[in-house]
Amino acid sequence: MTDVVTTLRERTRPGRGTATAGPRPRRSRHTGARAARPWLLLAPALLVMGGLLLYPLVQVVVISLQDFGLRQLVSGRTSWVGFDNYVELLGDGDLWRTVLPNTVVFAVVAVALTVVVGTLVALLLARLRPFTRGVVTTAIMLAWAVPAVTGTYVWVFLFTPGDGLAVQVLDALGLADAATTNPFASRFSFYTVAALNVVHHGFPFVALTVLAGLLTVPQEVTEAAIVDGAGAWRRFWSVTFPMLRPVFAVVTVLSTIWDFKVFTQIYLMPGGDGVNRDVLNLGTWSYVESFAQNRYGLGAAIAVVLTALLLIITVGYLRLLFREEEL
């Protein structure tokens, strides 16, 4: 009997048996400190990021609510007008007829071409031998390393009316008359040159990012698809693309952000600085209204609308992507 009692006591001790759960352990006083430690470590970086990104954004929103011109800039006095700048902006016919279509259509075409060309180049690089791949990768990296200003002037030189190399080639093919053709005069030809410029500058990023993803695809999966009789096109859409969906999401979102707010490639081309208002996009229009017309309040309102449009498109695309992954 004594042995039985002793055994029961041993089993009922906290942490030794299963007869009773014992008293609930106290929450450690250091639990809150542990939870706050990551945020304390991130605090310096968050403060710097907030100062560099959040503060300028707030200032742009504040200026967009003011009648802020050269006089207010010199005197430092503010004149609050509420949403008058936004009312004027949304009521401007140029926004709906010219600026917004230029921005949206150009971004959609440029993003699609950049992702397609970058993916095709990545597929080509994946099939090359390591040495050849390194040489070709170095060559395409030059296009990415060249500053946007330099690259834009190169494309302007190629399409210079009359004696530009590209114009001469088009004339030799019978597609244009070098004596009368000005690629920067019409809206369509202007943005065609701009799209070539942007795609040429942006496809190396897509190519290298997709290549990094392709090199992680297991060879066994590809070989199994080949044994099953799947062609190259079917293997890409049924095997490669689903596995690299996050990679394509990243390059598409980043390309969308870059191409929606493209400025340098448009502004430096002939007529893109506001002389030809038919080729204005939201970025160049904001700059022209702010620094050429000294209407900083209206220019800030245009910048806020551009930022809001980018956020809506990016969030919508990410939600669609995650919804497809859940299915």
C-alpha atoms as a PDB file:
ATOM      1  CA  MET A   1       0.000   0.000   0.000  1.00  0.00           C
ATOM      2  CA  THR A   2       2.829   2.353   0.866  1.00  0.00           C
ATOM      3  CA  ASP A   3       4.386   1.648  -2.511  1.00  0.00           C
ATOM      4  CA  VAL A   4       1.135   2.470  -4.275  1.00  0.00           C
ATOM      5  CA  VAL A   5       0.767   5.791  -2.441  1.00  0.00           C
ATOM      6  CA  THR A   6       4.341   6.677  -3.210  1.00  0.00           C
ATOM      7  CA  THR A   7       3.796   5.874  -6.875  1.00  0.00           C
ATOM      8  CA  LEU A   8       0.655   8.033  -7.020  1.00  0.00           C
ATOM      9  CA  ARG A   9       2.500  10.945  -5.415  1.00  0.00           C
ATOM     10  CA  GLU A  10       5.271  10.644  -7.951  1.00  0.00           C
ATOM     11  CA  ARG A  11       2.736  10.638 -10.808  1.00  0.00           C
ATOM     12  CA  THR A  12       0.907  13.682  -9.494  1.00  0.00           C
ATOM     13  CA  ARG A  13       4.000  15.851  -9.184  1.00  0.00           C
ATOM     14  CA  PRO A  14       4.041  18.719 -11.719  1.00  0.00           C
ATOM     15  CA  GLY A  15       5.804  17.710 -14.868  1.00  0.00           C
ATOM     16  CA  ARG A  16       6.212  14.055 -13.814  1.00  0.00           C
ATOM     17  CA  GLY A  17       2.881  12.406 -14.425  1.00  0.00           C
ATOM     18  CA  THR A  18      -0.362  12.730 -16.293  1.00  0.00           C
ATOM     19  CA  ALA A  19      -2.825  12.564 -13.404  1.00  0.00           C
ATOM     20  CA  THR A  20      -3.017  16.345 -13.131  1.00  0.00           C
ATOM     21  CA  ALA A  21      -1.902  19.116 -15.353  1.00  0.00           C
ATOM     22  CA  GLY A  22      -0.450  21.002 -12.441  1.00  0.00           C
ATOM     23  CA  PRO A  23      -0.479  24.786 -12.038  1.00  0.00           C
ATOM     24  CA  ARG A  24      -0.344  26.824 -15.258  1.00  0.00           C
ATOM     25  CA  PRO A  25       3.129  28.200 -15.858  1.00  0.00           C
ATOM     26  CA  ARG A  26       3.542  31.889 -15.330  1.00  0.00           C
ATOM     27  CA  ARG A  27       4.159  34.055 -18.343  1.00  0.00           C
ATOM     28  CA  SER A  28       7.754  35.097 -18.327  1.00  0.00           C
ATOM     29  CA  ARG A  29       8.379  38.757 -17.689  1.00  0.00           C
ATOM     30  CA  HIS A  30      10.818  38.692 -20.540  1.00  0.00           C
ATOM     31  CA  THR A  31       8.248  37.546 -23.119  1.00  0.00           C
ATOM     32  CA  GLY A  32       7.260  41.116 -24.024  1.00  0.00           C
ATOM     33  CA  ALA A  33      10.901  42.113 -24.338  1.00  0.00           C
ATOM     34  CA  ARG A  34      11.556  39.201 -26.696  1.00  0.00           C
ATOM     35  CA  ALA A  35       8.588  40.185 -28.858  1.00  0.00           C
ATOM     36  CA  ALA A  36       9.738  43.805 -29.029  1.00  0.00           C
ATOM     37  CA  ARG A  37      13.380  42.992 -29.731  1.00  0.00           C
ATOM     38  CA  PRO A  38      12.988  42.540 -33.542  1.00  0.00           C
ATOM     39  CA  TRP A  39      11.184  45.872 -33.806  1.00  0.00           C
ATOM     40  CA  LEU A  40      13.896  47.562 -31.773  1.00  0.00           C
ATOM     41  CA  LEU A  41      16.510  46.165 -34.146  1.00  0.00           C
ATOM     42  CA  LEU A  42      14.500  47.338 -37.164  1.00  0.00           C
ATOM     43  CA  ALA A  43      13.718  50.755 -35.694  1.00  0.00           C
ATOM     44  CA  PRO A  44      16.801  52.600 -37.094  1.00  0.00           C
ATOM     45  CA  ALA A  45      16.177  51.309 -40.615  1.00  0.00           C
ATOM     46  CA  LEU A  46      12.443  52.056 -40.367  1.00  0.00           C
ATOM     47  CA  LEU A  47      13.153  55.598 -39.213  1.00  0.00           C
ATOM     48  CA  VAL A  48      15.539  56.180 -42.108  1.00  0.00           C
ATOM     49  CA  MET A  49      13.076  54.702 -44.617  1.00  0.00           C
ATOM     50  CA  GLY A  50      10.286  56.788 -43.144  1.00  0.00           C
ATOM     51  CA  GLY A  51      12.361  59.930 -43.416  1.00  0.00           C
ATOM     52  CA  LEU A  52      13.425  59.228 -46.998  1.00  0.00           C
ATOM     53  CA  LEU A  53      10.103  57.933 -48.356  1.00  0.00           C
ATOM     54  CA  LEU A  54       7.170  58.746 -46.110  1.00  0.00           C
ATOM     55  CA  TYR A  55       8.028  62.371 -45.331  1.00  0.00           C
ATOM     56  CA  PRO A  56       8.424  63.461 -48.995  1.00  0.00           C
ATOM     57  CA  LEU A  57       5.180  61.686 -49.865  1.00  0.00           C
ATOM     58  CA  VAL A  58       3.335  63.515 -47.106  1.00  0.00           C
ATOM     59  CA  GLN A  59       4.818  66.810 -48.264  1.00  0.00           C
ATOM     60  CA  VAL A  60       3.633  66.187 -51.836  1.00  0.00           C
ATOM     61  CA  VAL A  61       0.113  65.528 -50.557  1.00  0.00           C
ATOM     62  CA  VAL A  62       0.243  68.726 -48.469  1.00  0.00           C
ATOM     63  CA  ILE A  63       1.435  70.830 -51.419  1.00  0.00           C
ATOM     64  CA  SER A  64      -1.309  69.340 -53.618  1.00  0.00           C
ATOM     65  CA  LEU A  65      -3.867  70.891 -51.257  1.00  0.00           C
ATOM     66  CA  GLN A  66      -2.395  74.368 -51.671  1.00  0.00           C
ATOM     67  CA  ASP A  67      -2.261  77.069 -54.313  1.00  0.00           C
ATOM     68  CA  PHE A  68       1.502  76.757 -54.331  1.00  0.00           C
ATOM     69  CA  GLY A  69       3.315  78.772 -56.959  1.00  0.00           C
ATOM     70  CA  LEU A  70       6.488  80.776 -57.337  1.00  0.00           C
ATOM     71  CA  ARG A  71       5.219  83.535 -55.035  1.00  0.00           C
ATOM     72  CA  GLN A  72       4.461  81.074 -52.232  1.00  0.00           C
ATOM     73  CA  LEU A  73       7.816  79.384 -52.785  1.00  0.00           C
ATOM     74  CA  VAL A  74       9.689  82.669 -52.341  1.00  0.00           C
ATOM     75  CA  SER A  75       7.615  84.099 -49.500  1.00  0.00           C
ATOM     76  CA  GLY A  76       7.054  80.843 -47.644  1.00  0.00           C
ATOM     77  CA  ARG A  77       3.364  81.641 -47.176  1.00  0.00           C
ATOM     78  CA  THR A  78       0.794  78.974 -47.876  1.00  0.00           C
ATOM     79  CA  SER A  79      -2.633  79.316 -49.416  1.00  0.00           C
ATOM     80  CA  TRP A  80      -4.857  76.333 -48.749  1.00  0.00           C
ATOM     81  CA  VAL A  81      -7.363  75.513 -51.488  1.00  0.00           C
ATOM     82  CA  GLY A  82      -8.456  72.040 -50.419  1.00  0.00           C
ATOM     83  CA  PHE A  83      -9.230  69.760 -53.344  1.00  0.00           C
ATOM     84  CA  ASP A  84      -9.377  72.500 -55.976  1.00  0.00           C
ATOM     85  CA  ASN A  85      -6.245  71.203 -57.693  1.00  0.00           C
ATOM     86  CA  TYR A  86      -7.771  67.734 -57.956  1.00  0.00           C
ATOM     87  CA  VAL A  87     -11.037  69.144 -59.274  1.00  0.00           C
ATOM     88  CA  GLU A  88      -9.147  71.084 -61.939  1.00  0.00           C
ATOM     89  CA  LEU A  89      -7.049  68.035 -62.787  1.00  0.00           C
ATOM     90  CA  LEU A  90      -9.958  65.623 -63.128  1.00  0.00           C
ATOM     91  CA  GLY A  91     -11.913  68.190 -65.128  1.00  0.00           C
ATOM     92  CA  ASP A  92      -9.101  68.739 -67.631  1.00  0.00           C
ATOM     93  CA  GLY A  93      -9.887  67.084 -70.962  1.00  0.00           C
ATOM     94  CA  ASP A  94      -6.195  66.551 -71.713  1.00  0.00           C
ATOM     95  CA  LEU A  95      -6.010  64.094 -68.806  1.00  0.00           C
ATOM     96  CA  TRP A  96      -8.618  61.756 -70.291  1.00  0.00           C
ATOM     97  CA  ARG A  97      -7.882  62.262 -73.999  1.00  0.00           C
ATOM     98  CA  THR A  98      -4.083  62.326 -73.985  1.00  0.00           C
ATOM     99  CA  VAL A  99      -2.133  61.980 -70.746  1.00  0.00           C
ATOM    100  CA  LEU A 100      -3.848  59.010 -69.096  1.00  0.00           C
ATOM    101  CA  PRO A 101      -4.100  56.917 -72.304  1.00  0.00           C
ATOM    102  CA  ASN A 102      -0.435  57.639 -73.051  1.00  0.00           C
ATOM    103  CA  THR A 103       0.552  56.530 -69.559  1.00  0.00           C
ATOM    104  CA  VAL A 104      -1.578  53.390 -69.306  1.00  0.00           C
ATOM    105  CA  VAL A 105      -1.244  52.068 -72.866  1.00  0.00           C
ATOM    106  CA  PHE A 106       2.497  52.694 -72.988  1.00  0.00           C
ATOM    107  CA  ALA A 107       3.024  50.989 -69.611  1.00  0.00           C
ATOM    108  CA  VAL A 108       0.964  47.923 -70.587  1.00  0.00           C
ATOM    109  CA  VAL A 109       2.794  47.501 -73.907  1.00  0.00           C
ATOM    110  CA  ALA A 110       6.233  48.172 -72.419  1.00  0.00           C
ATOM    111  CA  VAL A 111       5.720  45.776 -69.486  1.00  0.00           C
ATOM    112  CA  ALA A 112       4.422  43.008 -71.751  1.00  0.00           C
ATOM    113  CA  LEU A 113       7.303  43.380 -74.215  1.00  0.00           C
ATOM    114  CA  THR A 114       9.899  43.630 -71.445  1.00  0.00           C
ATOM    115  CA  VAL A 115       8.699  40.458 -69.704  1.00  0.00           C
ATOM    116  CA  VAL A 116       8.356  38.505 -72.974  1.00  0.00           C
ATOM    117  CA  VAL A 117      11.757  39.546 -74.355  1.00  0.00           C
ATOM    118  CA  GLY A 118      13.438  39.021 -70.982  1.00  0.00           C
ATOM    119  CA  THR A 119      11.888  35.548 -70.638  1.00  0.00           C
ATOM    120  CA  LEU A 120      12.952  34.512 -74.156  1.00  0.00           C
ATOM    121  CA  VAL A 121      16.505  35.678 -73.464  1.00  0.00           C
ATOM    122  CA  ALA A 122      16.502  33.795 -70.143  1.00  0.00           C
ATOM    123  CA  LEU A 123      15.385  30.585 -71.879  1.00  0.00           C
ATOM    124  CA  LEU A 124      18.186  31.062 -74.390  1.00  0.00           C
ATOM    125  CA  LEU A 125      20.772  31.628 -71.663  1.00  0.00           C
ATOM    126  CA  ALA A 126      19.621  28.526 -69.795  1.00  0.00           C
ATOM    127  CA  ARG A 127      20.443  26.375 -72.841  1.00  0.00           C
ATOM    128  CA  LEU A 128      23.952  27.782 -73.310  1.00  0.00           C
ATOM    129  CA  ARG A 129      27.131  26.370 -71.868  1.00  0.00           C
ATOM    130  CA  PRO A 130      28.478  28.133 -68.755  1.00  0.00           C
ATOM    131  CA  PHE A 131      31.277  30.001 -70.563  1.00  0.00           C
ATOM    132  CA  THR A 132      29.059  31.162 -73.431  1.00  0.00           C
ATOM    133  CA  ARG A 133      26.331  32.069 -70.948  1.00  0.00           C
ATOM    134  CA  GLY A 134      28.766  34.245 -69.034  1.00  0.00           C
ATOM    135  CA  VAL A 135      29.841  36.079 -72.191  1.00  0.00           C
ATOM    136  CA  VAL A 136      26.262  36.705 -73.347  1.00  0.00           C
ATOM    137  CA  THR A 137      25.158  37.737 -69.838  1.00  0.00           C
ATOM    138  CA  THR A 138      27.973  40.266 -69.658  1.00  0.00           C
ATOM    139  CA  ALA A 139      26.946  41.649 -73.043  1.00  0.00           C
ATOM    140  CA  ILE A 140      23.284  42.150 -72.123  1.00  0.00           C
ATOM    141  CA  MET A 141      24.279  43.632 -68.762  1.00  0.00           C
ATOM    142  CA  LEU A 142      25.793  46.551 -70.660  1.00  0.00           C
ATOM    143  CA  ALA A 143      22.306  47.603 -71.745  1.00  0.00           C
ATOM    144  CA  TRP A 144      21.220  47.623 -68.100  1.00  0.00           C
ATOM    145  CA  ALA A 145      24.348  49.421 -66.893  1.00  0.00           C
ATOM    146  CA  VAL A 146      24.022  52.281 -69.386  1.00  0.00           C
ATOM    147  CA  PRO A 147      22.281  55.273 -67.725  1.00  0.00           C
ATOM    148  CA  ALA A 148      18.810  56.086 -68.992  1.00  0.00           C
ATOM    149  CA  VAL A 149      19.983  59.515 -70.171  1.00  0.00           C
ATOM    150  CA  THR A 150      22.759  58.035 -72.320  1.00  0.00           C
ATOM    151  CA  GLY A 151      20.540  55.299 -73.700  1.00  0.00           C
ATOM    152  CA  THR A 152      17.827  57.796 -74.621  1.00  0.00           C
ATOM    153  CA  TYR A 153      20.246  59.985 -76.563  1.00  0.00           C
ATOM    154  CA  VAL A 154      21.492  56.905 -78.432  1.00  0.00           C
ATOM    155  CA  TRP A 155      17.953  56.063 -79.543  1.00  0.00           C
ATOM    156  CA  VAL A 156      17.289  59.689 -80.463  1.00  0.00           C
ATOM    157  CA  PHE A 157      20.466  59.628 -82.572  1.00  0.00           C
ATOM    158  CA  LEU A 158      19.354  56.417 -84.317  1.00  0.00           C
ATOM    159  CA  PHE A 159      15.963  57.914 -85.206  1.00  0.00           C
ATOM    160  CA  THR A 160      17.147  61.427 -86.075  1.00  0.00           C
ATOM    161  CA  PRO A 161      14.978  62.666 -88.976  1.00  0.00           C
ATOM    162  CA  GLY A 162      16.802  62.541 -92.286  1.00  0.00           C
ATOM    163  CA  ASP A 163      20.135  60.924 -91.484  1.00  0.00           C
ATOM    164  CA  GLY A 164      19.435  58.664 -88.523  1.00  0.00           C
ATOM    165  CA  LEU A 165      20.594  55.065 -89.029  1.00  0.00           C
ATOM    166  CA  ALA A 166      17.177  53.592 -88.206  1.00  0.00           C
ATOM    167  CA  VAL A 167      15.451  56.093 -90.505  1.00  0.00           C
ATOM    168  CA  GLN A 168      17.846  55.215 -93.299  1.00  0.00           C
ATOM    169  CA  VAL A 169      17.157  51.500 -92.818  1.00  0.00           C
ATOM    170  CA  LEU A 170      13.396  52.104 -92.922  1.00  0.00           C
ATOM    171  CA  ASP A 171      13.873  54.149 -96.084  1.00  0.00           C
ATOM    172  CA  ALA A 172      15.898  51.355 -97.699  1.00  0.00           C
ATOM    173  CA  LEU A 173      13.153  48.856 -96.867  1.00  0.00           C
ATOM    174  CA  GLY A 174      10.534  51.151 -98.350  1.00  0.00           C
ATOM    175  CA  LEU A 175       8.743  51.629 -95.030  1.00  0.00           C
ATOM    176  CA  ALA A 176       9.427  55.353 -94.691  1.00  0.00           C
ATOM    177  CA  ASP A 177      10.753  58.356 -96.592  1.00  0.00           C
ATOM    178  CA  ALA A 178      13.934  59.591 -94.942  1.00  0.00           C
ATOM    179  CA  ALA A 179      13.467  63.088 -96.391  1.00  0.00           C
ATOM    180  CA  THR A 180      10.049  63.655 -94.805  1.00  0.00           C
ATOM    181  CA  THR A 181       9.734  61.185 -91.915  1.00  0.00           C
ATOM    182  CA  ASN A 182      10.000  62.532 -88.371  1.00  0.00           C
ATOM    183  CA  PRO A 183       9.557  59.666 -85.886  1.00  0.00           C
ATOM    184  CA  PHE A 184       9.058  62.109 -83.017  1.00  0.00           C
ATOM    185  CA  ALA A 185       6.237  64.113 -84.582  1.00  0.00           C
ATOM    186  CA  SER A 186       3.307  61.730 -84.223  1.00  0.00           C
ATOM    187  CA  ARG A 187       2.030  60.177 -81.031  1.00  0.00           C
ATOM    188  CA  PHE A 188       2.310  56.559 -82.241  1.00  0.00           C
ATOM    189  CA  SER A 189       5.826  56.758 -83.675  1.00  0.00           C
ATOM    190  CA  PHE A 190       7.060  58.749 -80.664  1.00  0.00           C
ATOM    191  CA  TYR A 191       5.948  56.071 -78.218  1.00  0.00           C
ATOM    192  CA  THR A 192       7.197  53.314 -80.506  1.00  0.00           C
ATOM    193  CA  VAL A 193      10.717  54.691 -80.159  1.00  0.00           C
ATOM    194  CA  ALA A 194      10.166  55.195 -76.426  1.00  0.00           C
ATOM    195  CA  ALA A 195       9.006  51.570 -76.063  1.00  0.00           C
ATOM    196  CA  LEU A 196      12.115  50.298 -77.867  1.00  0.00           C
ATOM    197  CA  ASN A 197      14.232  52.385 -75.514  1.00  0.00           C
ATOM    198  CA  VAL A 198      12.483  51.206 -72.345  1.00  0.00           C
ATOM    199  CA  VAL A 199      12.404  47.533 -73.361  1.00  0.00           C
ATOM    200  CA  HIS A 200      16.074  47.617 -74.350  1.00  0.00           C
ATOM    201  CA  HIS A 201      16.976  49.110 -70.984  1.00  0.00           C
ATOM    202  CA  GLY A 202      14.701  46.867 -68.901  1.00  0.00           C
ATOM    203  CA  PHE A 203      14.867  43.367 -70.379  1.00  0.00           C
ATOM    204  CA  PRO A 204      18.266  42.427 -68.824  1.00  0.00           C
ATOM    205  CA  PHE A 205      16.774  42.623 -65.312  1.00  0.00           C
ATOM    206  CA  VAL A 206      13.927  40.309 -66.318  1.00  0.00           C
ATOM    207  CA  ALA A 207      16.288  37.960 -68.152  1.00  0.00           C
ATOM    208  CA  LEU A 208      18.696  37.537 -65.236  1.00  0.00           C
ATOM    209  CA  THR A 209      15.909  37.186 -62.671  1.00  0.00           C
ATOM    210  CA  VAL A 210      14.043  34.568 -64.701  1.00  0.00           C
ATOM    211  CA  LEU A 211      17.338  32.789 -65.475  1.00  0.00           C
ATOM    212  CA  ALA A 212      18.035  32.493 -61.748  1.00  0.00           C
ATOM    213  CA  GLY A 213      14.632  30.872 -61.355  1.00  0.00           C
ATOM    214  CA  LEU A 214      15.125  28.545 -64.324  1.00  0.00           C
ATOM    215  CA  LEU A 215      18.365  27.202 -62.860  1.00  0.00           C
ATOM    216  CA  THR A 216      16.446  26.105 -59.747  1.00  0.00           C
ATOM    217  CA  VAL A 217      13.889  24.014 -61.650  1.00  0.00           C
ATOM    218  CA  PRO A 218      14.695  20.332 -61.007  1.00  0.00           C
ATOM    219  CA  GLN A 219      15.926  18.546 -64.103  1.00  0.00           C
ATOM    220  CA  GLU A 220      13.919  15.469 -63.124  1.00  0.00           C
ATOM    221  CA  VAL A 221      10.659  17.356 -63.572  1.00  0.00           C
ATOM    222  CA  THR A 222      11.644  18.597 -67.037  1.00  0.00           C
ATOM    223  CA  GLU A 223      12.871  15.143 -68.082  1.00  0.00           C
ATOM    224  CA  ALA A 224       9.621  13.582 -66.883  1.00  0.00           C
ATOM    225  CA  ALA A 225       7.633  16.069 -68.984  1.00  0.00           C
ATOM    226  CA  ILE A 226       9.779  15.212 -72.023  1.00  0.00           C
ATOM    227  CA  VAL A 227       9.174  11.486 -71.471  1.00  0.00           C
ATOM    228  CA  ASP A 228       5.433  12.188 -71.308  1.00  0.00           C
ATOM    229  CA  GLY A 229       5.684  13.780 -74.753  1.00  0.00           C
ATOM    230  CA  ALA A 230       5.296  17.439 -73.770  1.00  0.00           C
ATOM    231  CA  GLY A 231       6.765  19.919 -76.231  1.00  0.00           C
ATOM    232  CA  ALA A 232       8.781  22.998 -75.345  1.00  0.00           C
ATOM    233  CA  TRP A 233       5.729  25.267 -75.253  1.00  0.00           C
ATOM    234  CA  ARG A 234       3.723  22.828 -73.114  1.00  0.00           C
ATOM    235  CA  ARG A 235       6.656  22.269 -70.750  1.00  0.00           C
ATOM    236  CA  PHE A 236       7.002  26.001 -70.199  1.00  0.00           C
ATOM    237  CA  TRP A 237       3.320  26.644 -69.412  1.00  0.00           C
ATOM    238  CA  SER A 238       2.633  23.433 -67.488  1.00  0.00           C
ATOM    239  CA  VAL A 239       5.906  22.967 -65.615  1.00  0.00           C
ATOM    240  CA  THR A 240       8.202  25.984 -65.686  1.00  0.00           C
ATOM    241  CA  PHE A 241       5.732  28.857 -65.400  1.00  0.00           C
ATOM    242  CA  PRO A 242       3.780  27.487 -62.386  1.00  0.00           C
ATOM    243  CA  MET A 243       7.022  26.879 -60.509  1.00  0.00           C
ATOM    244  CA  LEU A 244       8.330  30.364 -61.337  1.00  0.00           C
ATOM    245  CA  ARG A 245       5.059  32.228 -60.743  1.00  0.00           C
ATOM    246  CA  PRO A 246       6.520  34.249 -57.791  1.00  0.00           C
ATOM    247  CA  VAL A 247       9.485  35.247 -59.973  1.00  0.00           C
ATOM    248  CA  PHE A 248       7.218  36.474 -62.758  1.00  0.00           C
ATOM    249  CA  ALA A 249       5.134  38.327 -60.171  1.00  0.00           C
ATOM    250  CA  VAL A 250       8.190  40.227 -58.954  1.00  0.00           C
ATOM    251  CA  VAL A 251       9.452  41.213 -62.408  1.00  0.00           C
ATOM    252  CA  THR A 252       5.959  42.184 -63.577  1.00  0.00           C
ATOM    253  CA  VAL A 253       5.213  44.366 -60.550  1.00  0.00           C
ATOM    254  CA  LEU A 254       8.598  46.092 -60.687  1.00  0.00           C
ATOM    255  CA  SER A 255       8.365  46.626 -64.444  1.00  0.00           C
ATOM    256  CA  THR A 256       4.879  48.068 -64.003  1.00  0.00           C
ATOM    257  CA  ILE A 257       6.086  50.550 -61.396  1.00  0.00           C
ATOM    258  CA  TRP A 258       9.063  51.595 -63.530  1.00  0.00           C
ATOM    259  CA  ASP A 259       7.119  51.934 -66.781  1.00  0.00           C
ATOM    260  CA  PHE A 260       4.137  53.769 -65.308  1.00  0.00           C
ATOM    261  CA  LYS A 261       6.353  56.476 -63.870  1.00  0.00           C
ATOM    262  CA  VAL A 262       8.838  56.589 -66.741  1.00  0.00           C
ATOM    263  CA  PHE A 263      10.149  60.130 -67.124  1.00  0.00           C
ATOM    264  CA  THR A 264      13.678  60.367 -68.517  1.00  0.00           C
ATOM    265  CA  GLN A 265      13.030  58.378 -71.689  1.00  0.00           C
ATOM    266  CA  ILE A 266      10.025  60.589 -72.529  1.00  0.00           C
ATOM    267  CA  TYR A 267      11.264  63.993 -71.422  1.00  0.00           C
ATOM    268  CA  LEU A 268      14.602  63.841 -73.276  1.00  0.00           C
ATOM    269  CA  MET A 269      13.074  62.867 -76.607  1.00  0.00           C
ATOM    270  CA  PRO A 270      12.231  65.707 -79.035  1.00  0.00           C
ATOM    271  CA  GLY A 271       8.861  67.159 -78.000  1.00  0.00           C
ATOM    272  CA  GLY A 272       8.645  65.184 -74.778  1.00  0.00           C
ATOM    273  CA  ASP A 273       9.469  68.212 -72.616  1.00  0.00           C
ATOM    274  CA  GLY A 274       5.998  69.677 -73.149  1.00  0.00           C
ATOM    275  CA  VAL A 275       6.501  71.206 -76.591  1.00  0.00           C
ATOM    276  CA  ASN A 276       4.343  68.461 -78.094  1.00  0.00           C
ATOM    277  CA  ARG A 277       1.477  68.061 -75.643  1.00  0.00           C
ATOM    278  CA  ASP A 278       0.176  65.018 -77.520  1.00  0.00           C
ATOM    279  CA  VAL A 279       2.991  62.885 -76.065  1.00  0.00           C
ATOM    280  CA  LEU A 280       2.751  63.948 -72.413  1.00  0.00           C
ATOM    281  CA  ASN A 281       2.339  61.271 -69.763  1.00  0.00           C
ATOM    282  CA  LEU A 282       1.605  61.735 -66.057  1.00  0.00           C
ATOM    283  CA  GLY A 283       5.276  61.997 -65.116  1.00  0.00           C
ATOM    284  CA  THR A 284       6.250  64.616 -67.681  1.00  0.00           C
ATOM    285  CA  TRP A 285       2.963  66.498 -67.225  1.00  0.00           C
ATOM    286  CA  SER A 286       3.595  66.795 -63.482  1.00  0.00           C
ATOM    287  CA  TYR A 287       7.094  68.123 -64.162  1.00  0.00           C
ATOM    288  CA  VAL A 288       5.941  70.609 -66.812  1.00  0.00           C
ATOM    289  CA  GLU A 289       3.146  71.987 -64.637  1.00  0.00           C
ATOM    290  CA  SER A 290       5.458  72.285 -61.625  1.00  0.00           C
ATOM    291  CA  PHE A 291       8.680  73.700 -63.051  1.00  0.00           C
ATOM    292  CA  ALA A 292       7.675  75.163 -66.414  1.00  0.00           C
ATOM    293  CA  GLN A 293       4.346  76.674 -65.352  1.00  0.00           C
ATOM    294  CA  ASN A 294       5.315  77.227 -61.687  1.00  0.00           C
ATOM    295  CA  ARG A 295       2.115  75.543 -60.559  1.00  0.00           C
ATOM    296  CA  TYR A 296       3.564  73.270 -57.912  1.00  0.00           C
ATOM    297  CA  GLY A 297       0.204  72.528 -56.326  1.00  0.00           C
ATOM    298  CA  LEU A 298      -1.262  71.153 -59.547  1.00  0.00           C
ATOM    299  CA  GLY A 299       1.966  69.282 -60.324  1.00  0.00           C
ATOM    300  CA  ALA A 300       1.864  67.695 -56.875  1.00  0.00           C
ATOM    301  CA  ALA A 301      -1.764  66.670 -57.439  1.00  0.00           C
ATOM    302  CA  ILE A 302      -0.754  64.930 -60.673  1.00  0.00           C
ATOM    303  CA  ALA A 303       2.033  63.118 -58.810  1.00  0.00           C
ATOM    304  CA  VAL A 304      -0.418  61.965 -56.119  1.00  0.00           C
ATOM    305  CA  VAL A 305      -2.811  60.633 -58.759  1.00  0.00           C
ATOM    306  CA  LEU A 306       0.067  58.755 -60.416  1.00  0.00           C
ATOM    307  CA  THR A 307       1.107  57.237 -57.065  1.00  0.00           C
ATOM    308  CA  ALA A 308      -2.469  56.216 -56.267  1.00  0.00           C
ATOM    309  CA  LEU A 309      -2.844  54.633 -59.709  1.00  0.00           C
ATOM    310  CA  LEU A 310       0.353  52.649 -59.192  1.00  0.00           C
ATOM    311  CA  LEU A 311      -0.810  51.420 -55.777  1.00  0.00           C
ATOM    312  CA  ILE A 312      -4.190  50.335 -57.120  1.00  0.00           C
ATOM    313  CA  ILE A 313      -2.663  48.426 -60.031  1.00  0.00           C
ATOM    314  CA  THR A 314       0.041  46.783 -57.900  1.00  0.00           C
ATOM    315  CA  VAL A 315      -2.324  45.725 -55.112  1.00  0.00           C
ATOM    316  CA  GLY A 316      -4.879  44.458 -57.625  1.00  0.00           C
ATOM    317  CA  TYR A 317      -2.283  42.391 -59.453  1.00  0.00           C
ATOM    318  CA  LEU A 318      -0.904  40.888 -56.233  1.00  0.00           C
ATOM    319  CA  ARG A 319      -4.381  39.986 -54.988  1.00  0.00           C
ATOM    320  CA  LEU A 320      -5.164  38.295 -58.297  1.00  0.00           C
ATOM    321  CA  LEU A 321      -1.886  36.395 -58.138  1.00  0.00           C
ATOM    322  CA  PHE A 322      -2.420  35.176 -54.571  1.00  0.00           C
ATOM    323  CA  ARG A 323      -6.014  34.214 -55.364  1.00  0.00           C
ATOM    324  CA  GLU A 324      -4.799  32.027 -58.246  1.00  0.00           C
ATOM    325  CA  GLU A 325      -2.252  30.377 -55.941  1.00  0.00           C
ATOM    326  CA  GLU A 326      -4.977  29.546 -53.408  1.00  0.00           C
ATOM    327  CA  LEU A 327      -7.028  27.896 -56.147  1.00  0.00           C
END
